[in-house]
Amino acid sequence: MDRTTGPSVPESIGDFRALARSRLAAFERTEVPPAPGSRRAAVLLCVVERAAGALAVIVIRRAYRGRNAGQWALPGGRLDEGETPRQAAVRELHEELGLTASPGDILGELDDFPAASGFAITPIVVALTDTTALRPSPAEVHSVHLVDLARLAADDTPHWVHAEDAVRQESLRDNAPPAGEAGLLQMRLGPGMTIHAPTGALLWQFREVVLLGRAPAAARVAHFTQPEWTQE
């Protein structure tokens, strides 16, 4: 699936950093407040430069074992005792992909997402200039995918479908009728790459806020519904 129409996106890491810092600084994020027994996680929307020069965000497919086996995800995981979301996300990036993010690589945060699994997920935006150390951990990562920012920003990427059409990848229909924004979100990022909430919701908000500059009130995601099978 190629980009059809959509807005222009930054073409260099430097330009992306400047744009993302500015827009995230102005973004009034919402937080899920701490509560007894609550579980916290953090993920990274990690922007890198592809070999061909275009900028892309890293999306992974989880290893086919354990929780969320084979599902689309962003690098990240649960917070260890005493960790902040930023510390946890940076640690998980290194453990899962072998990449290192410094404090200067972190550009800001988006809204916490209250996942149906019971985790409150904090999405953190980073930009890396060096990915030569990329080494996916086979215990945690089945495959690594680079989604061009232009594809993410394209007009035909977000789709809203009826609940019965938000199904696993192998059962997706190309002709599923649209449901309007009261339906479930699909981020259609390429052949065999359709992503639902929660990961799809985080990618959608990144697109709306960072790439498109939407106002916070028009880009909230806490109410987005997850298909039941993403909660396994």
Protein backbone atom coordinates (compact mmCIF):
# COMPACT_ATOMS: atom_id res chain seq x y z
CA MET A 1 0.00 0.00 0.00
CA ASP A 2 1.62 3.24 -1.11
CA ARG A 3 0.89 6.71 0.04
CA THR A 4 -1.82 8.32 -2.06
CA THR A 5 -2.56 11.85 -0.90
CA GLY A 6 -1.68 13.60 2.30
CA PRO A 7 0.28 16.45 3.85
CA SER A 8 4.02 16.83 3.59
CA VAL A 9 6.14 15.48 6.44
CA PRO A 10 9.66 16.34 7.67
CA GLU A 11 12.43 14.97 5.48
CA SER A 12 15.31 15.05 7.96
CA ILE A 13 15.76 14.02 11.57
CA GLY A 14 16.69 17.59 12.45
CA ASP A 15 13.49 18.96 10.92
CA PHE A 16 11.42 16.28 12.64
CA ARG A 17 12.99 16.98 16.03
CA ALA A 18 12.23 20.70 15.75
CA LEU A 19 8.64 20.09 14.64
CA ALA A 20 7.93 17.41 17.25
CA ARG A 21 9.44 19.39 20.14
CA SER A 22 7.35 22.42 19.22
CA ARG A 23 4.08 20.56 18.82
CA LEU A 24 4.53 18.34 21.88
CA ALA A 25 5.48 21.32 24.05
CA ALA A 26 2.14 22.89 23.12
CA PHE A 27 0.19 19.65 23.59
CA GLU A 28 -1.76 19.48 26.86
CA ARG A 29 -1.57 15.77 27.50
CA THR A 30 -3.97 13.81 29.67
CA GLU A 31 -2.67 11.42 32.31
CA VAL A 32 -4.17 8.36 33.94
CA PRO A 33 -3.70 9.15 37.66
CA PRO A 34 -1.86 6.60 39.81
CA ALA A 35 -4.14 4.33 41.80
CA PRO A 36 -3.60 1.42 44.18
CA GLY A 37 -2.98 -1.72 42.17
CA SER A 38 -2.73 0.15 38.87
CA ARG A 39 -0.30 -1.14 36.28
CA ARG A 40 1.84 1.16 34.16
CA ALA A 41 3.60 0.69 30.85
CA ALA A 42 5.47 2.92 28.42
CA VAL A 43 6.13 2.66 24.69
CA LEU A 44 8.25 4.56 22.21
CA LEU A 45 7.18 6.18 18.97
CA CYS A 46 10.72 5.98 17.66
CA VAL A 47 11.48 7.91 14.48
CA VAL A 48 14.54 6.93 12.44
CA GLU A 49 15.92 7.53 8.97
CA ARG A 50 15.55 4.72 6.43
CA ALA A 51 18.40 3.75 4.12
CA ALA A 52 16.55 5.49 1.26
CA GLY A 53 16.46 8.72 3.26
CA ALA A 54 12.77 8.87 4.24
CA LEU A 55 11.84 9.10 7.91
CA ALA A 56 9.93 6.25 9.49
CA VAL A 57 8.55 5.09 12.84
CA ILE A 58 9.49 1.68 14.22
CA VAL A 59 6.67 -0.84 14.63
CA ILE A 60 7.31 -4.38 15.81
CA ARG A 61 5.49 -7.66 15.70
CA ARG A 62 5.67 -9.44 19.02
CA ALA A 63 7.22 -12.88 19.24
CA TYR A 64 4.74 -15.72 18.85
CA ARG A 65 4.82 -16.64 22.52
CA GLY A 66 3.48 -15.30 25.80
CA ARG A 67 1.19 -12.32 26.19
CA ASN A 68 0.11 -10.51 22.98
CA ALA A 69 1.76 -13.20 20.86
CA GLY A 70 2.22 -12.08 17.26
CA GLN A 71 0.45 -8.74 17.72
CA TRP A 72 1.56 -5.40 16.30
CA ALA A 73 3.18 -3.18 18.93
CA LEU A 74 5.53 -0.33 19.65
CA PRO A 75 8.81 -0.97 21.50
CA GLY A 76 8.14 -0.83 25.22
CA GLY A 77 6.69 -2.62 28.20
CA ARG A 78 5.73 -2.42 31.84
CA LEU A 79 7.47 -0.17 34.36
CA ASP A 80 9.76 -1.81 36.89
CA GLU A 81 9.55 -0.73 40.52
CA GLY A 82 10.74 2.86 40.90
CA GLU A 83 11.00 3.55 37.15
CA THR A 84 9.54 6.54 35.34
CA PRO A 85 7.81 5.96 31.99
CA ARG A 86 10.77 7.48 30.15
CA GLN A 87 13.25 5.25 31.95
CA ALA A 88 11.15 2.16 31.26
CA ALA A 89 10.68 2.97 27.57
CA VAL A 90 14.40 3.58 27.02
CA ARG A 91 15.28 0.35 28.86
CA GLU A 92 12.77 -1.66 26.84
CA LEU A 93 14.05 -0.17 23.57
CA HIS A 94 17.52 -1.47 24.39
CA GLU A 95 16.31 -4.86 25.61
CA GLU A 96 14.00 -5.47 22.65
CA LEU A 97 15.93 -3.89 19.78
CA GLY A 98 19.45 -3.17 21.03
CA LEU A 99 19.00 0.57 20.43
CA THR A 100 20.01 3.30 22.87
CA ALA A 101 18.13 6.57 23.35
CA SER A 102 19.69 9.42 25.30
CA PRO A 103 17.71 12.08 27.19
CA GLY A 104 18.30 14.45 24.28
CA ASP A 105 16.59 12.04 21.90
CA ILE A 106 13.31 12.29 23.84
CA LEU A 107 11.01 14.91 22.31
CA GLY A 108 7.90 14.67 24.49
CA GLU A 109 4.90 12.56 25.44
CA LEU A 110 1.37 11.98 24.21
CA ASP A 111 -1.76 11.02 26.17
CA ASP A 112 -1.76 8.06 28.52
CA PHE A 113 -3.91 5.30 27.05
CA PRO A 114 -6.06 3.23 29.46
CA ALA A 115 -5.80 -0.17 27.79
CA ALA A 116 -8.44 -2.82 28.33
CA SER A 117 -5.70 -5.06 29.74
CA GLY A 118 -5.60 -2.80 32.80
CA PHE A 119 -2.35 -1.07 31.89
CA ALA A 120 -2.07 2.70 31.56
CA ILE A 121 0.31 3.18 28.62
CA THR A 122 2.45 6.32 28.30
CA PRO A 123 3.62 6.99 24.71
CA ILE A 124 6.98 8.77 24.39
CA VAL A 125 8.27 10.28 21.15
CA VAL A 126 11.97 9.94 20.31
CA ALA A 127 14.16 10.46 17.25
CA LEU A 128 17.35 8.46 16.72
CA THR A 129 20.16 9.27 14.32
CA ASP A 130 22.06 5.98 14.77
CA THR A 131 20.36 2.60 14.34
CA THR A 132 23.43 0.54 13.45
CA ALA A 133 23.08 -1.37 16.73
CA LEU A 134 19.59 -2.63 15.81
CA ARG A 135 19.45 -6.25 16.96
CA PRO A 136 15.91 -7.53 17.71
CA SER A 137 15.64 -9.89 20.65
CA PRO A 138 14.10 -13.12 19.29
CA ALA A 139 12.57 -13.82 22.69
CA GLU A 140 10.43 -10.67 22.42
CA VAL A 141 10.35 -9.53 18.79
CA HIS A 142 9.30 -11.54 15.74
CA SER A 143 9.95 -8.79 13.19
CA VAL A 144 10.77 -5.07 12.89
CA HIS A 145 8.96 -2.78 10.43
CA LEU A 146 9.72 0.80 9.41
CA VAL A 147 6.55 2.74 8.58
CA ASP A 148 7.25 5.84 6.52
CA LEU A 149 5.92 9.03 8.10
CA ALA A 150 4.41 9.88 4.72
CA ARG A 151 2.39 6.64 4.82
CA LEU A 152 1.29 7.35 8.39
CA ALA A 153 0.15 10.86 7.41
CA ALA A 154 -1.62 9.77 4.22
CA ASP A 155 -5.32 10.54 3.92
CA ASP A 156 -6.29 6.90 3.35
CA THR A 157 -4.46 5.41 6.37
CA PRO A 158 -7.12 5.71 9.14
CA HIS A 159 -10.35 3.75 8.63
CA TRP A 160 -13.30 3.37 10.98
CA VAL A 161 -15.13 0.05 10.77
CA HIS A 162 -17.94 -1.78 12.51
CA ALA A 163 -16.96 -3.96 15.47
CA GLU A 164 -17.52 -7.19 13.52
CA ASP A 165 -15.01 -6.03 10.88
CA ALA A 166 -12.23 -5.32 13.39
CA VAL A 167 -10.75 -8.81 13.11
CA ARG A 168 -7.34 -10.43 13.09
CA GLN A 169 -5.09 -9.72 10.14
CA GLU A 170 -5.72 -13.03 8.36
CA SER A 171 -9.50 -12.46 8.38
CA LEU A 172 -9.57 -8.81 7.24
CA ARG A 173 -11.86 -7.83 4.37
CA ASP A 174 -10.84 -5.19 1.87
CA ASN A 175 -14.48 -4.28 1.29
CA ALA A 176 -15.53 -3.73 4.91
CA PRO A 177 -18.03 -0.83 4.93
CA PRO A 178 -17.04 2.34 6.83
CA ALA A 179 -18.67 3.00 10.18
CA GLY A 180 -17.90 6.66 10.84
CA GLU A 181 -15.84 7.72 13.84
CA ALA A 182 -18.20 5.89 16.21
CA GLY A 183 -16.68 2.65 14.94
CA LEU A 184 -13.36 0.95 15.63
CA LEU A 185 -10.16 2.38 14.24
CA GLN A 186 -7.97 0.56 11.75
CA MET A 187 -4.61 2.03 10.78
CA ARG A 188 -3.96 0.57 7.34
CA LEU A 189 -0.23 0.98 6.95
CA GLY A 190 0.60 -1.50 4.22
CA PRO A 191 -0.12 -4.97 2.81
CA GLY A 192 -0.69 -7.28 5.75
CA MET A 193 -0.28 -4.41 8.20
CA THR A 194 -3.58 -3.20 9.63
CA ILE A 195 -3.30 -2.13 13.27
CA HIS A 196 -6.09 -1.67 15.83
CA ALA A 197 -6.07 -0.08 19.30
CA PRO A 198 -4.19 0.22 21.52
CA THR A 199 -1.17 0.43 19.19
CA GLY A 200 -3.31 1.81 16.39
CA ALA A 201 -4.69 4.50 18.71
CA LEU A 202 -1.19 5.62 19.71
CA LEU A 203 -0.06 5.77 16.08
CA TRP A 204 -3.20 7.75 15.20
CA GLN A 205 -2.60 10.33 17.92
CA PHE A 206 1.07 10.63 16.91
CA ARG A 207 -0.10 11.27 13.35
CA GLU A 208 -2.75 13.79 14.37
CA VAL A 209 -0.71 15.76 16.90
CA VAL A 210 2.91 15.54 15.75
CA LEU A 211 2.60 15.12 11.97
CA LEU A 212 -0.62 17.03 11.28
CA GLY A 213 -0.63 19.57 14.12
CA ARG A 214 -4.22 18.95 15.23
CA ALA A 215 -5.56 20.61 18.37
CA PRO A 216 -5.54 18.39 21.49
CA ALA A 217 -9.33 18.34 21.76
CA ALA A 218 -9.58 16.85 18.26
CA ALA A 219 -6.99 14.14 18.91
CA ARG A 220 -7.94 12.36 22.13
CA VAL A 221 -7.80 8.54 22.15
CA ALA A 222 -8.71 7.32 25.67
CA HIS A 223 -12.22 6.45 24.47
CA PHE A 224 -11.07 4.35 21.50
CA THR A 225 -12.41 0.80 21.66
CA GLN A 226 -10.12 -2.22 21.49
CA PRO A 227 -11.10 -5.42 19.70
CA GLU A 228 -11.44 -8.24 22.22
CA TRP A 229 -8.59 -10.26 20.74
CA THR A 230 -6.06 -7.44 21.37
CA GLN A 231 -6.70 -7.90 25.09
CA GLU A 232 -5.37 -11.46 25.22
